[in-house]
C-alpha atoms as a PDB file:
ATOM      1  CA  MET A   1       0.000   0.000   0.000  1.00  0.00           C
ATOM      2  CA  ILE A   2       2.773   2.465   0.832  1.00  0.00           C
ATOM      3  CA  ALA A   3       4.465   1.669  -2.483  1.00  0.00           C
ATOM      4  CA  THR A   4       1.377   2.785  -4.505  1.00  0.00           C
ATOM      5  CA  LEU A   5       0.951   6.142  -2.707  1.00  0.00           C
ATOM      6  CA  PRO A   6       3.744   8.011  -4.583  1.00  0.00           C
ATOM      7  CA  GLN A   7       2.462   6.666  -7.907  1.00  0.00           C
ATOM      8  CA  ASP A   8      -1.131   7.827  -7.093  1.00  0.00           C
ATOM      9  CA  THR A   9       0.152  11.259  -6.036  1.00  0.00           C
ATOM     10  CA  ARG A  10       1.967  11.656  -9.347  1.00  0.00           C
ATOM     11  CA  ARG A  11      -1.125  10.570 -11.268  1.00  0.00           C
ATOM     12  CA  TRP A  12      -3.354  13.073  -9.415  1.00  0.00           C
ATOM     13  CA  THR A  13      -0.800  15.840  -9.832  1.00  0.00           C
ATOM     14  CA  THR A  14      -0.716  15.158 -13.573  1.00  0.00           C
ATOM     15  CA  VAL A  15      -4.539  15.173 -13.800  1.00  0.00           C
ATOM     16  CA  MET A  16      -4.719  18.457 -11.850  1.00  0.00           C
ATOM     17  CA  ALA A  17      -2.081  20.083 -14.086  1.00  0.00           C
ATOM     18  CA  VAL A  18      -3.965  19.008 -17.237  1.00  0.00           C
ATOM     19  CA  VAL A  19      -7.302  20.323 -15.871  1.00  0.00           C
ATOM     20  CA  LEU A  20      -5.678  23.631 -14.886  1.00  0.00           C
ATOM     21  CA  ALA A  21      -4.076  23.994 -18.331  1.00  0.00           C
ATOM     22  CA  LEU A  22      -7.364  23.220 -20.112  1.00  0.00           C
ATOM     23  CA  GLY A  23      -9.203  25.719 -17.898  1.00  0.00           C
ATOM     24  CA  THR A  24      -6.656  28.427 -18.703  1.00  0.00           C
ATOM     25  CA  VAL A  25      -6.934  27.759 -22.448  1.00  0.00           C
ATOM     26  CA  TRP A  26     -10.770  27.767 -22.267  1.00  0.00           C
ATOM     27  CA  THR A  27     -10.806  31.064 -20.339  1.00  0.00           C
ATOM     28  CA  PHE A  28      -8.521  32.706 -22.899  1.00  0.00           C
ATOM     29  CA  LEU A  29     -10.446  31.402 -25.931  1.00  0.00           C
ATOM     30  CA  SER A  30     -13.934  32.229 -24.602  1.00  0.00           C
ATOM     31  CA  ARG A  31     -13.290  35.835 -23.524  1.00  0.00           C
ATOM     32  CA  VAL A  32     -15.206  38.568 -25.352  1.00  0.00           C
ATOM     33  CA  PRO A  33     -12.899  41.224 -26.797  1.00  0.00           C
ATOM     34  CA  PRO A  34     -13.832  44.829 -25.913  1.00  0.00           C
ATOM     35  CA  ALA A  35     -14.249  45.700 -29.595  1.00  0.00           C
ATOM     36  CA  ALA A  36     -17.086  43.149 -29.884  1.00  0.00           C
ATOM     37  CA  THR A  37     -19.195  44.887 -27.264  1.00  0.00           C
ATOM     38  CA  THR A  38     -18.668  48.626 -27.727  1.00  0.00           C
ATOM     39  CA  GLY A  39     -16.731  48.887 -30.961  1.00  0.00           C
ATOM     40  CA  GLY A  40     -13.578  49.526 -28.962  1.00  0.00           C
ATOM     41  CA  ALA A  41     -15.119  52.612 -27.304  1.00  0.00           C
ATOM     42  CA  PRO A  42     -15.462  52.919 -23.551  1.00  0.00           C
ATOM     43  CA  PRO A  43     -18.667  51.370 -22.128  1.00  0.00           C
ATOM     44  CA  PRO A  44     -21.763  53.591 -21.925  1.00  0.00           C
ATOM     45  CA  SER A  45     -21.859  55.868 -18.890  1.00  0.00           C
ATOM     46  CA  ALA A  46     -23.018  59.448 -18.419  1.00  0.00           C
ATOM     47  CA  ARG A  47     -19.476  60.570 -17.596  1.00  0.00           C
ATOM     48  CA  GLU A  48     -16.684  62.237 -19.507  1.00  0.00           C
ATOM     49  CA  GLY A  49     -14.561  59.790 -21.449  1.00  0.00           C
ATOM     50  CA  PHE A  50     -17.296  57.153 -21.720  1.00  0.00           C
ATOM     51  CA  SER A  51     -19.653  56.315 -24.567  1.00  0.00           C
ATOM     52  CA  ALA A  52     -22.873  58.293 -24.322  1.00  0.00           C
ATOM     53  CA  PRO A  53     -25.775  56.028 -23.326  1.00  0.00           C
ATOM     54  CA  ASP A  54     -27.900  55.471 -26.416  1.00  0.00           C
ATOM     55  CA  PHE A  55     -31.578  56.359 -26.554  1.00  0.00           C
ATOM     56  CA  THR A  56     -34.492  56.768 -28.924  1.00  0.00           C
ATOM     57  CA  LEU A  57     -37.086  59.423 -28.114  1.00  0.00           C
ATOM     58  CA  ASP A  58     -40.142  60.904 -29.780  1.00  0.00           C
ATOM     59  CA  LEU A  59     -39.829  64.355 -31.288  1.00  0.00           C
ATOM     60  CA  LEU A  60     -42.170  67.191 -30.442  1.00  0.00           C
ATOM     61  CA  GLY A  61     -44.445  67.274 -33.473  1.00  0.00           C
ATOM     62  CA  GLY A  62     -43.824  63.651 -34.515  1.00  0.00           C
ATOM     63  CA  GLY A  63     -41.037  61.309 -35.500  1.00  0.00           C
ATOM     64  CA  GLN A  64     -38.166  59.892 -33.469  1.00  0.00           C
ATOM     65  CA  VAL A  65     -34.449  60.444 -32.994  1.00  0.00           C
ATOM     66  CA  THR A  66     -31.852  57.848 -31.964  1.00  0.00           C
ATOM     67  CA  LEU A  67     -28.585  59.211 -30.596  1.00  0.00           C
ATOM     68  CA  SER A  68     -26.399  56.456 -32.089  1.00  0.00           C
ATOM     69  CA  GLU A  69     -27.693  57.294 -35.586  1.00  0.00           C
ATOM     70  CA  LEU A  70     -25.925  60.650 -35.261  1.00  0.00           C
ATOM     71  CA  ARG A  71     -22.426  59.096 -35.083  1.00  0.00           C
ATOM     72  CA  GLY A  72     -20.085  61.176 -37.179  1.00  0.00           C
ATOM     73  CA  LYS A  73     -21.629  64.397 -35.854  1.00  0.00           C
ATOM     74  CA  ALA A  74     -20.778  66.353 -32.730  1.00  0.00           C
ATOM     75  CA  VAL A  75     -23.895  66.307 -30.540  1.00  0.00           C
ATOM     76  CA  MET A  76     -25.013  68.400 -27.607  1.00  0.00           C
ATOM     77  CA  VAL A  77     -27.550  66.550 -25.437  1.00  0.00           C
ATOM     78  CA  ASN A  78     -29.303  69.131 -23.276  1.00  0.00           C
ATOM     79  CA  LEU A  79     -31.797  67.998 -20.610  1.00  0.00           C
ATOM     80  CA  TRP A  80     -34.196  70.809 -19.708  1.00  0.00           C
ATOM     81  CA  ALA A  81     -37.695  71.758 -18.541  1.00  0.00           C
ATOM     82  CA  SER A  82     -39.920  74.707 -19.426  1.00  0.00           C
ATOM     83  CA  TRP A  83     -40.257  75.786 -15.781  1.00  0.00           C
ATOM     84  CA  CYS A  84     -36.465  75.895 -15.222  1.00  0.00           C
ATOM     85  CA  PRO A  85     -35.083  79.495 -15.084  1.00  0.00           C
ATOM     86  CA  PRO A  86     -31.472  78.546 -16.028  1.00  0.00           C
ATOM     87  CA  CYS A  87     -32.878  76.540 -18.977  1.00  0.00           C
ATOM     88  CA  ARG A  88     -34.750  79.628 -20.161  1.00  0.00           C
ATOM     89  CA  ALA A  89     -31.611  81.749 -19.760  1.00  0.00           C
ATOM     90  CA  GLU A  90     -29.343  79.513 -21.852  1.00  0.00           C
ATOM     91  CA  MET A  91     -31.731  78.495 -24.681  1.00  0.00           C
ATOM     92  CA  PRO A  92     -31.136  81.604 -26.835  1.00  0.00           C
ATOM     93  CA  ALA A  93     -27.377  80.968 -26.622  1.00  0.00           C
ATOM     94  CA  ILE A  94     -27.861  77.309 -27.583  1.00  0.00           C
ATOM     95  CA  GLU A  95     -29.956  78.366 -30.593  1.00  0.00           C
ATOM     96  CA  ASN A  96     -27.309  80.895 -31.689  1.00  0.00           C
ATOM     97  CA  VAL A  97     -24.499  78.341 -31.461  1.00  0.00           C
ATOM     98  CA  TYR A  98     -26.630  75.747 -33.262  1.00  0.00           C
ATOM     99  CA  GLN A  99     -27.237  78.163 -36.137  1.00  0.00           C
ATOM    100  CA  ALA A 100     -23.522  78.976 -36.329  1.00  0.00           C
ATOM    101  CA  TYR A 101     -22.273  75.356 -36.323  1.00  0.00           C
ATOM    102  CA  LYS A 102     -25.026  73.100 -37.717  1.00  0.00           C
ATOM    103  CA  ASP A 103     -23.468  73.154 -41.200  1.00  0.00           C
ATOM    104  CA  ARG A 104     -20.167  71.884 -39.735  1.00  0.00           C
ATOM    105  CA  GLY A 105     -21.648  68.651 -38.376  1.00  0.00           C
ATOM    106  CA  PHE A 106     -23.079  69.873 -35.067  1.00  0.00           C
ATOM    107  CA  GLU A 107     -26.462  68.743 -33.751  1.00  0.00           C
ATOM    108  CA  VAL A 108     -28.434  69.728 -30.654  1.00  0.00           C
ATOM    109  CA  LEU A 109     -30.803  67.259 -29.006  1.00  0.00           C
ATOM    110  CA  ALA A 110     -32.896  69.223 -26.522  1.00  0.00           C
ATOM    111  CA  VAL A 111     -34.380  66.531 -24.267  1.00  0.00           C
ATOM    112  CA  ASN A 112     -37.399  67.900 -22.440  1.00  0.00           C
ATOM    113  CA  THR A 113     -37.924  66.163 -19.109  1.00  0.00           C
ATOM    114  CA  THR A 114     -41.584  65.660 -20.007  1.00  0.00           C
ATOM    115  CA  PHE A 115     -42.085  63.281 -17.068  1.00  0.00           C
ATOM    116  CA  GLN A 116     -41.842  66.382 -14.837  1.00  0.00           C
ATOM    117  CA  ASP A 117     -43.068  68.941 -17.388  1.00  0.00           C
ATOM    118  CA  SER A 118     -45.757  68.780 -20.098  1.00  0.00           C
ATOM    119  CA  GLU A 119     -45.733  68.516 -23.879  1.00  0.00           C
ATOM    120  CA  ALA A 120     -47.885  71.635 -24.152  1.00  0.00           C
ATOM    121  CA  GLU A 121     -45.426  73.651 -22.051  1.00  0.00           C
ATOM    122  CA  ALA A 122     -42.466  72.251 -24.007  1.00  0.00           C
ATOM    123  CA  ALA A 123     -44.150  73.233 -27.297  1.00  0.00           C
ATOM    124  CA  ALA A 124     -44.922  76.737 -26.021  1.00  0.00           C
ATOM    125  CA  PHE A 125     -41.324  77.091 -24.790  1.00  0.00           C
ATOM    126  CA  ALA A 126     -39.880  75.998 -28.172  1.00  0.00           C
ATOM    127  CA  GLN A 127     -42.183  78.382 -30.016  1.00  0.00           C
ATOM    128  CA  ASN A 128     -41.488  81.286 -27.638  1.00  0.00           C
ATOM    129  CA  PHE A 129     -37.717  80.937 -28.156  1.00  0.00           C
ATOM    130  CA  SER A 130     -38.043  80.116 -31.914  1.00  0.00           C
ATOM    131  CA  LEU A 131     -35.994  76.947 -31.453  1.00  0.00           C
ATOM    132  CA  THR A 132     -35.031  75.204 -34.687  1.00  0.00           C
ATOM    133  CA  PHE A 133     -33.161  72.178 -33.297  1.00  0.00           C
ATOM    134  CA  PRO A 134     -34.906  68.894 -32.398  1.00  0.00           C
ATOM    135  CA  ILE A 135     -36.998  68.880 -29.204  1.00  0.00           C
ATOM    136  CA  LEU A 136     -37.178  65.355 -27.765  1.00  0.00           C
ATOM    137  CA  LEU A 137     -39.677  64.159 -25.161  1.00  0.00           C
ATOM    138  CA  ASP A 138     -38.476  62.082 -22.203  1.00  0.00           C
ATOM    139  CA  ARG A 139     -41.989  61.076 -21.129  1.00  0.00           C
ATOM    140  CA  THR A 140     -40.987  58.250 -18.781  1.00  0.00           C
ATOM    141  CA  GLY A 141     -37.770  59.724 -17.363  1.00  0.00           C
ATOM    142  CA  ALA A 142     -35.732  56.780 -18.684  1.00  0.00           C
ATOM    143  CA  VAL A 143     -33.197  58.975 -20.492  1.00  0.00           C
ATOM    144  CA  SER A 144     -32.906  61.312 -17.524  1.00  0.00           C
ATOM    145  CA  ALA A 145     -32.190  58.278 -15.333  1.00  0.00           C
ATOM    146  CA  ARG A 146     -29.578  56.883 -17.775  1.00  0.00           C
ATOM    147  CA  TYR A 147     -27.886  60.285 -17.803  1.00  0.00           C
ATOM    148  CA  LEU A 148     -28.003  60.477 -13.984  1.00  0.00           C
ATOM    149  CA  LEU A 149     -29.961  63.752 -14.022  1.00  0.00           C
ATOM    150  CA  ARG A 150     -29.146  65.709 -10.864  1.00  0.00           C
ATOM    151  CA  ALA A 151     -29.932  69.285 -11.887  1.00  0.00           C
ATOM    152  CA  LEU A 152     -31.485  71.190 -14.744  1.00  0.00           C
ATOM    153  CA  PRO A 153     -30.190  72.014 -17.190  1.00  0.00           C
ATOM    154  CA  SER A 154     -27.652  69.215 -17.698  1.00  0.00           C
ATOM    155  CA  THR A 155     -25.640  69.198 -20.893  1.00  0.00           C
ATOM    156  CA  PHE A 156     -23.459  66.502 -22.451  1.00  0.00           C
ATOM    157  CA  PHE A 157     -21.113  67.313 -25.335  1.00  0.00           C
ATOM    158  CA  VAL A 158     -20.655  64.117 -27.364  1.00  0.00           C
ATOM    159  CA  ASP A 159     -17.879  63.763 -29.938  1.00  0.00           C
ATOM    160  CA  ARG A 160     -18.177  62.240 -33.406  1.00  0.00           C
ATOM    161  CA  GLN A 161     -17.377  58.755 -32.061  1.00  0.00           C
ATOM    162  CA  GLY A 162     -20.197  58.917 -29.502  1.00  0.00           C
ATOM    163  CA  VAL A 163     -17.940  59.533 -26.487  1.00  0.00           C
ATOM    164  CA  ILE A 164     -18.867  62.197 -23.934  1.00  0.00           C
ATOM    165  CA  HIS A 165     -16.247  64.931 -24.213  1.00  0.00           C
ATOM    166  CA  SER A 166     -17.533  67.185 -21.426  1.00  0.00           C
ATOM    167  CA  VAL A 167     -20.484  67.572 -19.047  1.00  0.00           C
ATOM    168  CA  VAL A 168     -22.009  70.740 -17.626  1.00  0.00           C
ATOM    169  CA  ILE A 169     -24.441  70.289 -14.729  1.00  0.00           C
ATOM    170  CA  GLY A 170     -26.626  73.248 -13.818  1.00  0.00           C
ATOM    171  CA  GLY A 171     -26.403  76.485 -15.633  1.00  0.00           C
ATOM    172  CA  PRO A 172     -27.004  78.639 -17.417  1.00  0.00           C
ATOM    173  CA  MET A 173     -24.080  78.372 -19.821  1.00  0.00           C
ATOM    174  CA  SER A 174     -23.021  81.486 -21.667  1.00  0.00           C
ATOM    175  CA  GLU A 175     -22.829  81.518 -25.441  1.00  0.00           C
ATOM    176  CA  ALA A 176     -19.012  81.699 -25.196  1.00  0.00           C
ATOM    177  CA  VAL A 177     -18.869  78.551 -23.043  1.00  0.00           C
ATOM    178  CA  ILE A 178     -21.184  76.650 -25.393  1.00  0.00           C
ATOM    179  CA  GLN A 179     -19.222  77.794 -28.433  1.00  0.00           C
ATOM    180  CA  SER A 180     -15.907  76.758 -26.860  1.00  0.00           C
ATOM    181  CA  LYS A 181     -17.196  73.295 -25.997  1.00  0.00           C
ATOM    182  CA  VAL A 182     -18.728  72.834 -29.458  1.00  0.00           C
ATOM    183  CA  GLU A 183     -15.451  73.823 -31.108  1.00  0.00           C
ATOM    184  CA  ASP A 184     -13.640  71.271 -28.931  1.00  0.00           C
ATOM    185  CA  VAL A 185     -15.925  68.400 -29.956  1.00  0.00           C
ATOM    186  CA  LEU A 186     -15.828  69.451 -33.601  1.00  0.00           C
ATOM    187  CA  LYS A 187     -11.997  69.275 -33.514  1.00  0.00           C
ATOM    188  CA  GLU A 188     -12.157  65.581 -32.608  1.00  0.00           C
ATOM    189  CA  THR A 189     -11.263  63.478 -35.647  1.00  0.00           C
ATOM    190  CA  PRO A 190     -14.148  61.565 -37.251  1.00  0.00           C
END
């Protein structure tokens, strides 16, 4: 019996080494490369340096917009409400910058927090300020939640690859600040 113990130990050691080697090979071969999940971009998160969380929302007046379909453009995602004084203060500046840069590949997505506002008030607001960029309706608050809404207005400057370049929480932003941030995201290579 004592003579067979060393031989059994060697056999079990060999089996354990083979199982460990096979497990290592399986782990390496079955991993999912980052490029397969996010196209090599950082994972979605409402923070600078991360891919902007995708969404599809209804437009005021009909139709829909999907953020990811705007890849190749610099996008400003602005969450706002009609009752918000800083939102009212910065909207004319946003419209001016939009008019100045829309032909260079810049888009504004003005996401109305309709779950805490109303479509009628959003429509009146857009008409009052003569807004020409898309007004999106976040009726359920899902987009606001994905973008970790903490204050209104909240603005996310997204580069041409869909990565958040900068975030401005609260406001209002001046036209110079908006213009500077738009120029920065437009400089990013497509």
